[in-house]
């Protein structure tokens, strides 16, 4: 397992946190996703053998929260 984090851009509130988290957790190979509202960052724990970072970032972008 590895952990990565990246900035996200878009309206980030509690409802958005749930949307982002659920979308990322639905990806096979993702084990955990935490959103840091204060810093507009997402922290993701994933299996690099199963999934790669660009796929995770694409999932976040697809729901309207692009990487900064």
PDB file of N, CA and C in Angstrom:
ATOM      1  N   UNK A   1       0.836  -1.179   0.000  1.00  0.00           N
ATOM      2  CA  UNK A   1       0.000   0.000   0.000  1.00  0.00           C
ATOM      3  C   UNK A   1       0.883   1.245   0.000  1.00  0.00           C
ATOM      4  N   UNK A   2       0.372   2.264  -0.651  1.00  0.00           N
ATOM      5  CA  UNK A   2       1.033   3.562  -0.672  1.00  0.00           C
ATOM      6  C   UNK A   2      -0.010   4.628  -0.378  1.00  0.00           C
ATOM      7  N   UNK A   3       0.479   5.771   0.063  1.00  0.00           N
ATOM      8  CA  UNK A   3      -0.396   6.910   0.313  1.00  0.00           C
ATOM      9  C   UNK A   3       0.104   8.093  -0.491  1.00  0.00           C
ATOM     10  N   UNK A   4      -0.821   8.798  -1.095  1.00  0.00           N
ATOM     11  CA  UNK A   4      -0.496  10.010  -1.821  1.00  0.00           C
ATOM     12  C   UNK A   4      -1.491  11.089  -1.424  1.00  0.00           C
ATOM     13  N   UNK A   5      -1.131  12.322  -1.665  1.00  0.00           N
ATOM     14  CA  UNK A   5      -2.074  13.413  -1.445  1.00  0.00           C
ATOM     15  C   UNK A   5      -1.888  14.439  -2.539  1.00  0.00           C
ATOM     16  N   UNK A   6      -2.972  15.117  -2.858  1.00  0.00           N
ATOM     17  CA  UNK A   6      -2.908  16.184  -3.837  1.00  0.00           C
ATOM     18  C   UNK A   6      -4.008  17.192  -3.549  1.00  0.00           C
ATOM     19  N   UNK A   7      -3.805  18.397  -4.027  1.00  0.00           N
ATOM     20  CA  UNK A   7      -4.779  19.475  -3.829  1.00  0.00           C
ATOM     21  C   UNK A   7      -5.963  19.275  -4.747  1.00  0.00           C
ATOM     22  N   UNK A   8      -7.123  19.678  -4.264  1.00  0.00           N
ATOM     23  CA  UNK A   8      -8.330  19.627  -5.081  1.00  0.00           C
ATOM     24  C   UNK A   8      -8.939  21.014  -5.134  1.00  0.00           C
ATOM     25  N   UNK A   9      -9.562  21.312  -6.239  1.00  0.00           N
ATOM     26  CA  UNK A   9     -10.156  22.612  -6.454  1.00  0.00           C
ATOM     27  C   UNK A   9     -11.642  22.429  -6.727  1.00  0.00           C
ATOM     28  N   UNK A  10     -12.426  23.299  -6.193  1.00  0.00           N
ATOM     29  CA  UNK A  10     -13.872  23.224  -6.343  1.00  0.00           C
ATOM     30  C   UNK A  10     -14.508  23.549  -5.014  1.00  0.00           C
ATOM     31  N   UNK A  11     -15.802  23.591  -4.994  1.00  0.00           N
ATOM     32  CA  UNK A  11     -16.531  23.890  -3.761  1.00  0.00           C
ATOM     33  C   UNK A  11     -16.378  22.718  -2.804  1.00  0.00           C
ATOM     34  N   UNK A  12     -15.615  22.929  -1.746  1.00  0.00           N
ATOM     35  CA  UNK A  12     -15.407  21.848  -0.788  1.00  0.00           C
ATOM     36  C   UNK A  12     -16.126  22.172   0.516  1.00  0.00           C
ATOM     37  N   UNK A  13     -17.182  21.421   0.764  1.00  0.00           N
ATOM     38  CA  UNK A  13     -17.934  21.503   2.002  1.00  0.00           C
ATOM     39  C   UNK A  13     -18.214  20.066   2.442  1.00  0.00           C
ATOM     40  N   UNK A  14     -18.955  19.877   3.493  1.00  0.00           N
ATOM     41  CA  UNK A  14     -19.183  18.525   4.014  1.00  0.00           C
ATOM     42  C   UNK A  14     -19.859  17.612   2.987  1.00  0.00           C
ATOM     43  N   UNK A  15     -20.812  18.151   2.234  1.00  0.00           N
ATOM     44  CA  UNK A  15     -21.484  17.344   1.204  1.00  0.00           C
ATOM     45  C   UNK A  15     -20.480  16.941   0.123  1.00  0.00           C
ATOM     46  N   UNK A  16     -19.630  17.879  -0.255  1.00  0.00           N
ATOM     47  CA  UNK A  16     -18.607  17.597  -1.263  1.00  0.00           C
ATOM     48  C   UNK A  16     -17.631  16.533  -0.769  1.00  0.00           C
ATOM     49  N   UNK A  17     -17.292  16.590   0.502  1.00  0.00           N
ATOM     50  CA  UNK A  17     -16.384  15.610   1.089  1.00  0.00           C
ATOM     51  C   UNK A  17     -16.940  14.210   0.878  1.00  0.00           C
ATOM     52  N   UNK A  18     -18.220  14.018   1.168  1.00  0.00           N
ATOM     53  CA  UNK A  18     -18.842  12.702   0.988  1.00  0.00           C
ATOM     54  C   UNK A  18     -18.822  12.273  -0.475  1.00  0.00           C
ATOM     55  N   UNK A  19     -19.108  13.196  -1.374  1.00  0.00           N
ATOM     56  CA  UNK A  19     -19.119  12.892  -2.802  1.00  0.00           C
ATOM     57  C   UNK A  19     -17.742  12.465  -3.282  1.00  0.00           C
ATOM     58  N   UNK A  20     -16.739  13.229  -2.922  1.00  0.00           N
ATOM     59  CA  UNK A  20     -15.368  12.915  -3.342  1.00  0.00           C
ATOM     60  C   UNK A  20     -14.927  11.585  -2.736  1.00  0.00           C
ATOM     61  N   UNK A  21     -15.138  11.449  -1.456  1.00  0.00           N
ATOM     62  CA  UNK A  21     -14.699  10.240  -0.753  1.00  0.00           C
ATOM     63  C   UNK A  21     -15.357   8.988  -1.335  1.00  0.00           C
ATOM     64  N   UNK A  22     -16.667   9.034  -1.544  1.00  0.00           N
ATOM     65  CA  UNK A  22     -17.379   7.877  -2.084  1.00  0.00           C
ATOM     66  C   UNK A  22     -16.916   7.539  -3.492  1.00  0.00           C
ATOM     67  N   UNK A  23     -16.648   8.545  -4.303  1.00  0.00           N
ATOM     68  CA  UNK A  23     -16.180   8.299  -5.672  1.00  0.00           C
ATOM     69  C   UNK A  23     -14.811   7.644  -5.684  1.00  0.00           C
ATOM     70  N   UNK A  24     -13.924   8.125  -4.842  1.00  0.00           N
ATOM     71  CA  UNK A  24     -12.569   7.568  -4.794  1.00  0.00           C
ATOM     72  C   UNK A  24     -12.583   6.172  -4.177  1.00  0.00           C
ATOM     73  N   UNK A  25     -13.357   5.972  -3.139  1.00  0.00           N
ATOM     74  CA  UNK A  25     -13.417   4.652  -2.495  1.00  0.00           C
ATOM     75  C   UNK A  25     -14.052   3.595  -3.395  1.00  0.00           C
ATOM     76  N   UNK A  26     -14.820   4.013  -4.388  1.00  0.00           N
ATOM     77  CA  UNK A  26     -15.442   3.062  -5.317  1.00  0.00           C
ATOM     78  C   UNK A  26     -14.434   2.471  -6.303  1.00  0.00           C
ATOM     79  N   UNK A  27     -13.243   3.031  -6.370  1.00  0.00           N
ATOM     80  CA  UNK A  27     -12.213   2.551  -7.286  1.00  0.00           C
ATOM     81  C   UNK A  27     -11.540   1.323  -6.678  1.00  0.00           C
ATOM     82  N   UNK A  28     -11.481   0.270  -7.461  1.00  0.00           N
ATOM     83  CA  UNK A  28     -10.813  -0.940  -7.009  1.00  0.00           C
ATOM     84  C   UNK A  28      -9.343  -0.639  -6.734  1.00  0.00           C
ATOM     85  N   UNK A  29      -8.878  -1.041  -5.568  1.00  0.00           N
ATOM     86  CA  UNK A  29      -7.487  -0.809  -5.194  1.00  0.00           C
ATOM     87  C   UNK A  29      -7.293   0.370  -4.266  1.00  0.00           C
ATOM     88  N   UNK A  30      -8.355   1.140  -4.029  1.00  0.00           N
ATOM     89  CA  UNK A  30      -8.287   2.259  -3.083  1.00  0.00           C
ATOM     90  C   UNK A  30      -8.815   1.762  -1.742  1.00  0.00           C
ATOM     91  N   UNK A  31      -8.040   1.985  -0.694  1.00  0.00           N
ATOM     92  CA  UNK A  31      -8.407   1.491   0.630  1.00  0.00           C
ATOM     93  C   UNK A  31      -8.935   2.575   1.547  1.00  0.00           C
ATOM     94  N   UNK A  32      -8.463   3.801   1.360  1.00  0.00           N
ATOM     95  CA  UNK A  32      -8.886   4.891   2.238  1.00  0.00           C
ATOM     96  C   UNK A  32      -8.765   6.207   1.490  1.00  0.00           C
ATOM     97  N   UNK A  33      -9.671   7.120   1.818  1.00  0.00           N
ATOM     98  CA  UNK A  33      -9.622   8.469   1.243  1.00  0.00           C
ATOM     99  C   UNK A  33     -10.064   9.439   2.326  1.00  0.00           C
ATOM    100  N   UNK A  34      -9.204  10.385   2.637  1.00  0.00           N
ATOM    101  CA  UNK A  34      -9.529  11.414   3.630  1.00  0.00           C
ATOM    102  C   UNK A  34      -9.406  12.775   2.969  1.00  0.00           C
ATOM    103  N   UNK A  35     -10.355  13.634   3.277  1.00  0.00           N
ATOM    104  CA  UNK A  35     -10.357  14.979   2.726  1.00  0.00           C
ATOM    105  C   UNK A  35      -9.999  15.955   3.840  1.00  0.00           C
ATOM    106  N   UNK A  36      -9.034  16.820   3.559  1.00  0.00           N
ATOM    107  CA  UNK A  36      -8.636  17.882   4.472  1.00  0.00           C
ATOM    108  C   UNK A  36      -9.266  19.176   3.948  1.00  0.00           C
ATOM    109  N   UNK A  37     -10.417  19.541   4.512  1.00  0.00           N
ATOM    110  CA  UNK A  37     -11.143  20.728   4.048  1.00  0.00           C
ATOM    111  C   UNK A  37     -10.343  22.006   4.222  1.00  0.00           C
ATOM    112  N   UNK A  38      -9.647  22.131   5.320  1.00  0.00           N
ATOM    113  CA  UNK A  38      -8.903  23.359   5.612  1.00  0.00           C
ATOM    114  C   UNK A  38      -7.859  23.662   4.548  1.00  0.00           C
ATOM    115  N   UNK A  39      -7.258  22.607   4.000  1.00  0.00           N
ATOM    116  CA  UNK A  39      -6.198  22.788   3.009  1.00  0.00           C
ATOM    117  C   UNK A  39      -6.599  22.339   1.603  1.00  0.00           C
ATOM    118  N   UNK A  40      -7.861  21.952   1.438  1.00  0.00           N
ATOM    119  CA  UNK A  40      -8.376  21.466   0.147  1.00  0.00           C
ATOM    120  C   UNK A  40      -7.472  20.395  -0.451  1.00  0.00           C
ATOM    121  N   UNK A  41      -7.219  19.357   0.349  1.00  0.00           N
ATOM    122  CA  UNK A  41      -6.376  18.249  -0.092  1.00  0.00           C
ATOM    123  C   UNK A  41      -7.087  16.925   0.135  1.00  0.00           C
ATOM    124  N   UNK A  42      -6.743  15.964  -0.691  1.00  0.00           N
ATOM    125  CA  UNK A  42      -7.216  14.603  -0.505  1.00  0.00           C
ATOM    126  C   UNK A  42      -6.008  13.714  -0.251  1.00  0.00           C
ATOM    127  N   UNK A  43      -6.146  12.811   0.691  1.00  0.00           N
ATOM    128  CA  UNK A  43      -5.107  11.845   1.033  1.00  0.00           C
ATOM    129  C   UNK A  43      -5.684  10.467   0.727  1.00  0.00           C
ATOM    130  N   UNK A  44      -5.003   9.714  -0.117  1.00  0.00           N
ATOM    131  CA  UNK A  44      -5.523   8.436  -0.590  1.00  0.00           C
ATOM    132  C   UNK A  44      -4.512   7.327  -0.319  1.00  0.00           C
ATOM    133  N   UNK A  45      -4.990   6.240   0.272  1.00  0.00           N
ATOM    134  CA  UNK A  45      -4.190   5.031   0.451  1.00  0.00           C
ATOM    135  C   UNK A  45      -4.672   4.024  -0.582  1.00  0.00           C
ATOM    136  N   UNK A  46      -3.740   3.492  -1.359  1.00  0.00           N
ATOM    137  CA  UNK A  46      -4.110   2.635  -2.481  1.00  0.00           C
ATOM    138  C   UNK A  46      -3.047   1.557  -2.719  1.00  0.00           C
ATOM    139  N   UNK A  47      -3.421   0.581  -3.521  1.00  0.00           N
ATOM    140  CA  UNK A  47      -2.507  -0.482  -3.915  1.00  0.00           C
ATOM    141  C   UNK A  47      -1.940  -0.128  -5.289  1.00  0.00           C
ATOM    142  N   UNK A  48      -0.651   0.216  -5.380  1.00  0.00           N
ATOM    143  CA  UNK A  48      -0.065   0.612  -6.658  1.00  0.00           C
ATOM    144  C   UNK A  48      -0.009  -0.527  -7.685  1.00  0.00           C
ATOM    145  N   UNK A  49      -0.195  -1.750  -7.234  1.00  0.00           N
ATOM    146  CA  UNK A  49      -0.236  -2.889  -8.155  1.00  0.00           C
ATOM    147  C   UNK A  49      -1.592  -2.948  -8.877  1.00  0.00           C
ATOM    148  N   UNK A  50      -2.605  -2.321  -8.294  1.00  0.00           N
ATOM    149  CA  UNK A  50      -3.965  -2.384  -8.821  1.00  0.00           C
ATOM    150  C   UNK A  50      -4.382  -1.096  -9.516  1.00  0.00           C
ATOM    151  N   UNK A  51      -3.966   0.024  -8.996  1.00  0.00           N
ATOM    152  CA  UNK A  51      -4.441   1.329  -9.467  1.00  0.00           C
ATOM    153  C   UNK A  51      -3.278   2.307  -9.480  1.00  0.00           C
ATOM    154  N   UNK A  52      -3.361   3.315 -10.345  1.00  0.00           N
ATOM    155  CA  UNK A  52      -2.317   4.328 -10.328  1.00  0.00           C
ATOM    156  C   UNK A  52      -2.916   5.714 -10.082  1.00  0.00           C
ATOM    157  N   UNK A  53      -2.067   6.639  -9.725  1.00  0.00           N
ATOM    158  CA  UNK A  53      -2.500   7.976  -9.322  1.00  0.00           C
ATOM    159  C   UNK A  53      -3.298   8.702 -10.400  1.00  0.00           C
ATOM    160  N   UNK A  54      -2.912   8.646 -11.673  1.00  0.00           N
ATOM    161  CA  UNK A  54      -3.720   9.351 -12.685  1.00  0.00           C
ATOM    162  C   UNK A  54      -5.182   8.893 -12.736  1.00  0.00           C
ATOM    163  N   UNK A  55      -5.438   7.631 -12.469  1.00  0.00           N
ATOM    164  CA  UNK A  55      -6.826   7.141 -12.457  1.00  0.00           C
ATOM    165  C   UNK A  55      -7.585   7.750 -11.284  1.00  0.00           C
ATOM    166  N   UNK A  56      -6.931   7.842 -10.140  1.00  0.00           N
ATOM    167  CA  UNK A  56      -7.557   8.450  -8.965  1.00  0.00           C
ATOM    168  C   UNK A  56      -7.855   9.921  -9.236  1.00  0.00           C
ATOM    169  N   UNK A  57      -6.890  10.626  -9.801  1.00  0.00           N
ATOM    170  CA  UNK A  57      -7.083  12.047 -10.106  1.00  0.00           C
ATOM    171  C   UNK A  57      -8.187  12.239 -11.142  1.00  0.00           C
ATOM    172  N   UNK A  58      -8.276  11.338 -12.100  1.00  0.00           N
ATOM    173  CA  UNK A  58      -9.331  11.422 -13.112  1.00  0.00           C
ATOM    174  C   UNK A  58     -10.713  11.245 -12.493  1.00  0.00           C
ATOM    175  N   UNK A  59     -10.816  10.369 -11.507  1.00  0.00           N
ATOM    176  CA  UNK A  59     -12.096  10.161 -10.830  1.00  0.00           C
ATOM    177  C   UNK A  59     -12.526  11.418 -10.088  1.00  0.00           C
ATOM    178  N   UNK A  60     -11.574  12.087  -9.450  1.00  0.00           N
ATOM    179  CA  UNK A  60     -11.880  13.341  -8.747  1.00  0.00           C
ATOM    180  C   UNK A  60     -12.278  14.422  -9.748  1.00  0.00           C
ATOM    181  N   UNK A  61     -11.566  14.483 -10.849  1.00  0.00           N
ATOM    182  CA  UNK A  61     -11.861  15.472 -11.888  1.00  0.00           C
ATOM    183  C   UNK A  61     -13.243  15.214 -12.512  1.00  0.00           C
ATOM    184  N   UNK A  62     -13.598  13.951 -12.692  1.00  0.00           N
ATOM    185  CA  UNK A  62     -14.862  13.592 -13.330  1.00  0.00           C
ATOM    186  C   UNK A  62     -16.085  14.072 -12.550  1.00  0.00           C
ATOM    187  N   UNK A  63     -15.925  14.267 -11.244  1.00  0.00           N
ATOM    188  CA  UNK A  63     -17.059  14.734 -10.445  1.00  0.00           C
ATOM    189  C   UNK A  63     -16.973  16.229 -10.160  1.00  0.00           C
ATOM    190  N   UNK A  64     -16.069  16.913 -10.863  1.00  0.00           N
ATOM    191  CA  UNK A  64     -16.025  18.369 -10.799  1.00  0.00           C
ATOM    192  C   UNK A  64     -15.047  18.979  -9.811  1.00  0.00           C
ATOM    193  N   UNK A  65     -14.127  18.173  -9.303  1.00  0.00           N
ATOM    194  CA  UNK A  65     -13.129  18.685  -8.360  1.00  0.00           C
ATOM    195  C   UNK A  65     -11.758  18.421  -8.947  1.00  0.00           C
ATOM    196  N   UNK A  66     -11.261  19.372  -9.685  1.00  0.00           N
ATOM    197  CA  UNK A  66     -10.001  19.168 -10.378  1.00  0.00           C
ATOM    198  C   UNK A  66      -8.817  19.346  -9.449  1.00  0.00           C
ATOM    199  N   UNK A  67      -7.721  18.717  -9.865  1.00  0.00           N
ATOM    200  CA  UNK A  67      -6.470  18.866  -9.128  1.00  0.00           C
ATOM    201  C   UNK A  67      -5.937  20.273  -9.395  1.00  0.00           C
ATOM    202  N   UNK A  68      -5.405  20.876  -8.364  1.00  0.00           N
ATOM    203  CA  UNK A  68      -4.786  22.202  -8.530  1.00  0.00           C
ATOM    204  C   UNK A  68      -3.394  22.067  -9.047  1.00  0.00           C
TER     205      UNK A  68
END
